[in-house]
Structure formats: structure tokens, C-alpha cells
Amino acid sequence: VKTGDLVRFRREVFQIKNSSDCGMWEWRVGLLIEYHTWEKIATILSGGKTFRIHASEVQKAGKKDFKRF
């Protein structure tokens, strides 16, 4: 994955209180702005906002991530 790639990443929608479950997650698509291998943190632009996400939650986007009209 390199700067300028379209990526998909997981974001936590909400966390369930008093539960061993970690919460509900959703996949989003965005543009990779910055990624340094020694930090293992990706900076992603999605929906007009920037997110800093751990690399284990980021994947390169493919055809299945886009809907056909």
C-alpha cells in the first residue's frame, strides 16, 4: 500500500457497554494520505475527515468495495 491508493478501513460505530464484545464495526473507503512502516499508522482521508488508523485495520480497496449503478 502506498500514498494515493484507495483503501478500506474499519471504524468502530459504537461500543457495547458491560459486554465482552468489543462493539460494532463498519468498513469505509478512503484515500491513503500517509503511511510510515515504523509507525504502523495510516492517515486516511474519507468523507472530508482525516483518520489515523492502525495498519492491521487497513486494506487496499478492490472492485468489491464499489457499487455499480
N, C-alpha and C. Protein backbone atom coordinates (compact mmCIF):
# COMPACT_ATOMS: atom_id res chain seq x y z
N VAL A 1 0.85 -1.17 0.00
CA VAL A 1 0.00 0.00 0.00
C VAL A 1 0.90 1.23 0.00
N LYS A 2 0.58 2.17 -0.89
CA LYS A 2 1.39 3.39 -0.97
C LYS A 2 0.48 4.62 -1.04
N THR A 3 1.07 5.77 -0.82
CA THR A 3 0.34 7.03 -0.81
C THR A 3 -0.45 7.20 -2.11
N GLY A 4 -1.72 7.59 -1.99
CA GLY A 4 -2.57 7.80 -3.15
C GLY A 4 -3.47 6.61 -3.47
N ASP A 5 -3.25 5.47 -2.82
CA ASP A 5 -4.09 4.29 -3.05
C ASP A 5 -5.45 4.46 -2.39
N LEU A 6 -6.47 3.86 -3.01
CA LEU A 6 -7.77 3.76 -2.35
C LEU A 6 -7.72 2.57 -1.41
N VAL A 7 -8.12 2.80 -0.18
CA VAL A 7 -8.07 1.74 0.84
C VAL A 7 -9.42 1.63 1.52
N ARG A 8 -9.65 0.48 2.14
CA ARG A 8 -10.81 0.35 3.01
C ARG A 8 -10.29 0.14 4.42
N PHE A 9 -11.04 0.64 5.38
CA PHE A 9 -10.60 0.57 6.76
C PHE A 9 -11.79 0.36 7.67
N ARG A 10 -11.53 -0.23 8.83
CA ARG A 10 -12.60 -0.48 9.80
C ARG A 10 -12.65 0.64 10.80
N ARG A 11 -13.89 1.09 11.07
CA ARG A 11 -14.13 2.08 12.11
C ARG A 11 -15.17 1.53 13.06
N GLU A 12 -14.99 1.81 14.34
CA GLU A 12 -15.95 1.37 15.34
C GLU A 12 -17.15 2.32 15.31
N VAL A 13 -18.35 1.77 15.12
CA VAL A 13 -19.57 2.57 15.07
C VAL A 13 -20.00 2.91 16.49
N PHE A 14 -20.10 1.92 17.33
CA PHE A 14 -20.39 2.15 18.75
C PHE A 14 -19.88 0.97 19.55
N GLN A 15 -19.67 1.21 20.83
CA GLN A 15 -19.17 0.17 21.72
C GLN A 15 -20.27 -0.25 22.67
N ILE A 16 -20.41 -1.54 22.88
CA ILE A 16 -21.43 -2.08 23.77
C ILE A 16 -20.91 -2.02 25.21
N LYS A 17 -21.68 -1.39 26.08
CA LYS A 17 -21.27 -1.27 27.48
C LYS A 17 -21.55 -2.57 28.22
N ASN A 18 -20.72 -2.85 29.21
CA ASN A 18 -20.86 -4.03 30.07
C ASN A 18 -20.96 -5.32 29.27
N SER A 19 -20.13 -5.45 28.26
CA SER A 19 -20.14 -6.65 27.43
C SER A 19 -18.70 -7.02 27.09
N SER A 20 -18.46 -8.30 26.88
CA SER A 20 -17.13 -8.74 26.49
C SER A 20 -16.89 -8.48 25.00
N ASP A 21 -17.97 -8.22 24.25
CA ASP A 21 -17.85 -7.90 22.83
C ASP A 21 -17.26 -6.51 22.69
N CYS A 22 -16.44 -6.31 21.67
CA CYS A 22 -15.77 -5.02 21.50
C CYS A 22 -16.66 -3.96 20.86
N GLY A 23 -17.78 -4.33 20.27
CA GLY A 23 -18.67 -3.34 19.68
C GLY A 23 -19.02 -3.66 18.24
N MET A 24 -19.57 -2.69 17.54
CA MET A 24 -19.98 -2.86 16.15
C MET A 24 -19.00 -2.10 15.25
N TRP A 25 -18.62 -2.72 14.14
CA TRP A 25 -17.65 -2.14 13.20
C TRP A 25 -18.28 -2.00 11.83
N GLU A 26 -17.79 -1.05 11.05
CA GLU A 26 -18.19 -0.92 9.65
C GLU A 26 -16.96 -0.64 8.81
N TRP A 27 -17.02 -1.06 7.55
CA TRP A 27 -15.93 -0.80 6.61
C TRP A 27 -16.22 0.50 5.86
N ARG A 28 -15.22 1.34 5.70
CA ARG A 28 -15.32 2.58 4.93
C ARG A 28 -14.22 2.59 3.88
N VAL A 29 -14.39 3.41 2.86
CA VAL A 29 -13.39 3.56 1.80
C VAL A 29 -12.82 4.97 1.87
N GLY A 30 -11.51 5.10 1.66
CA GLY A 30 -10.88 6.41 1.70
C GLY A 30 -9.59 6.44 0.90
N LEU A 31 -8.95 7.58 0.90
CA LEU A 31 -7.70 7.80 0.17
C LEU A 31 -6.56 7.81 1.18
N LEU A 32 -5.55 6.98 0.93
CA LEU A 32 -4.39 6.92 1.82
C LEU A 32 -3.52 8.15 1.61
N ILE A 33 -3.37 8.95 2.66
CA ILE A 33 -2.57 10.17 2.59
C ILE A 33 -1.12 9.88 2.99
N GLU A 34 -0.95 9.11 4.06
CA GLU A 34 0.39 8.89 4.59
C GLU A 34 0.45 7.55 5.31
N TYR A 35 1.57 6.85 5.13
CA TYR A 35 1.79 5.61 5.88
C TYR A 35 3.29 5.42 6.07
N HIS A 36 3.70 5.30 7.31
CA HIS A 36 5.10 5.03 7.63
C HIS A 36 5.18 3.66 8.27
N THR A 37 6.07 2.82 7.73
CA THR A 37 6.14 1.43 8.20
C THR A 37 6.57 1.34 9.66
N TRP A 38 7.41 2.24 10.13
CA TRP A 38 7.88 2.14 11.50
C TRP A 38 6.81 2.56 12.51
N GLU A 39 5.82 3.35 12.09
CA GLU A 39 4.73 3.74 12.99
C GLU A 39 3.59 2.74 12.98
N LYS A 40 3.38 2.08 11.84
CA LYS A 40 2.25 1.17 11.62
C LYS A 40 0.91 1.90 11.81
N ILE A 41 0.89 3.18 11.41
CA ILE A 41 -0.31 4.01 11.47
C ILE A 41 -0.54 4.61 10.09
N ALA A 42 -1.77 4.49 9.58
CA ALA A 42 -2.13 5.05 8.27
C ALA A 42 -2.99 6.28 8.49
N THR A 43 -2.72 7.33 7.73
CA THR A 43 -3.55 8.53 7.73
C THR A 43 -4.42 8.48 6.48
N ILE A 44 -5.74 8.51 6.66
CA ILE A 44 -6.69 8.30 5.58
C ILE A 44 -7.68 9.45 5.52
N LEU A 45 -7.98 9.90 4.29
CA LEU A 45 -8.99 10.93 4.06
C LEU A 45 -10.26 10.24 3.59
N SER A 46 -11.35 10.44 4.33
CA SER A 46 -12.63 9.82 3.98
C SER A 46 -13.76 10.72 4.45
N GLY A 47 -14.65 11.08 3.55
CA GLY A 47 -15.80 11.91 3.90
C GLY A 47 -15.43 13.29 4.39
N GLY A 48 -14.32 13.84 3.92
CA GLY A 48 -13.89 15.17 4.34
C GLY A 48 -13.18 15.20 5.67
N LYS A 49 -12.95 14.06 6.29
CA LYS A 49 -12.26 13.98 7.58
C LYS A 49 -11.02 13.12 7.42
N THR A 50 -10.03 13.36 8.27
CA THR A 50 -8.85 12.51 8.29
C THR A 50 -8.92 11.58 9.49
N PHE A 51 -8.51 10.36 9.27
CA PHE A 51 -8.49 9.34 10.32
C PHE A 51 -7.09 8.78 10.42
N ARG A 52 -6.65 8.49 11.63
CA ARG A 52 -5.39 7.79 11.85
C ARG A 52 -5.75 6.41 12.38
N ILE A 53 -5.45 5.40 11.57
CA ILE A 53 -5.88 4.03 11.83
C ILE A 53 -4.67 3.12 11.89
N HIS A 54 -4.71 2.13 12.79
CA HIS A 54 -3.64 1.14 12.87
C HIS A 54 -3.62 0.32 11.57
N ALA A 55 -2.44 -0.05 11.13
CA ALA A 55 -2.27 -0.74 9.84
C ALA A 55 -3.02 -2.06 9.76
N SER A 56 -3.26 -2.72 10.87
CA SER A 56 -3.97 -4.01 10.84
C SER A 56 -5.44 -3.84 10.46
N GLU A 57 -5.96 -2.62 10.53
CA GLU A 57 -7.36 -2.34 10.19
C GLU A 57 -7.52 -1.73 8.80
N VAL A 58 -6.44 -1.70 8.00
CA VAL A 58 -6.45 -1.06 6.68
C VAL A 58 -6.10 -2.08 5.61
N GLN A 59 -6.85 -2.07 4.49
CA GLN A 59 -6.59 -2.95 3.36
C GLN A 59 -6.74 -2.15 2.08
N LYS A 60 -6.03 -2.58 1.04
CA LYS A 60 -6.17 -1.93 -0.26
C LYS A 60 -7.56 -2.25 -0.81
N ALA A 61 -8.25 -1.24 -1.32
CA ALA A 61 -9.61 -1.42 -1.83
C ALA A 61 -9.58 -2.10 -3.19
N GLY A 62 -10.61 -2.90 -3.46
CA GLY A 62 -10.72 -3.59 -4.73
C GLY A 62 -12.07 -3.36 -5.37
N LYS A 63 -12.38 -4.15 -6.38
CA LYS A 63 -13.64 -4.00 -7.12
C LYS A 63 -14.86 -4.21 -6.24
N LYS A 64 -14.77 -5.12 -5.29
CA LYS A 64 -15.94 -5.43 -4.46
C LYS A 64 -16.34 -4.28 -3.52
N ASP A 65 -15.46 -3.30 -3.36
CA ASP A 65 -15.75 -2.18 -2.47
C ASP A 65 -16.55 -1.07 -3.12
N PHE A 66 -16.81 -1.19 -4.42
CA PHE A 66 -17.53 -0.15 -5.15
C PHE A 66 -18.79 -0.73 -5.77
N LYS A 67 -19.90 -0.01 -5.65
CA LYS A 67 -21.18 -0.46 -6.21
C LYS A 67 -21.27 -0.03 -7.66
N ARG A 68 -21.91 -0.85 -8.48
CA ARG A 68 -22.17 -0.48 -9.87
C ARG A 68 -23.60 0.03 -9.98
N PHE A 69 -23.79 1.07 -10.77
CA PHE A 69 -25.11 1.66 -10.93
C PHE A 69 -25.69 1.27 -12.26
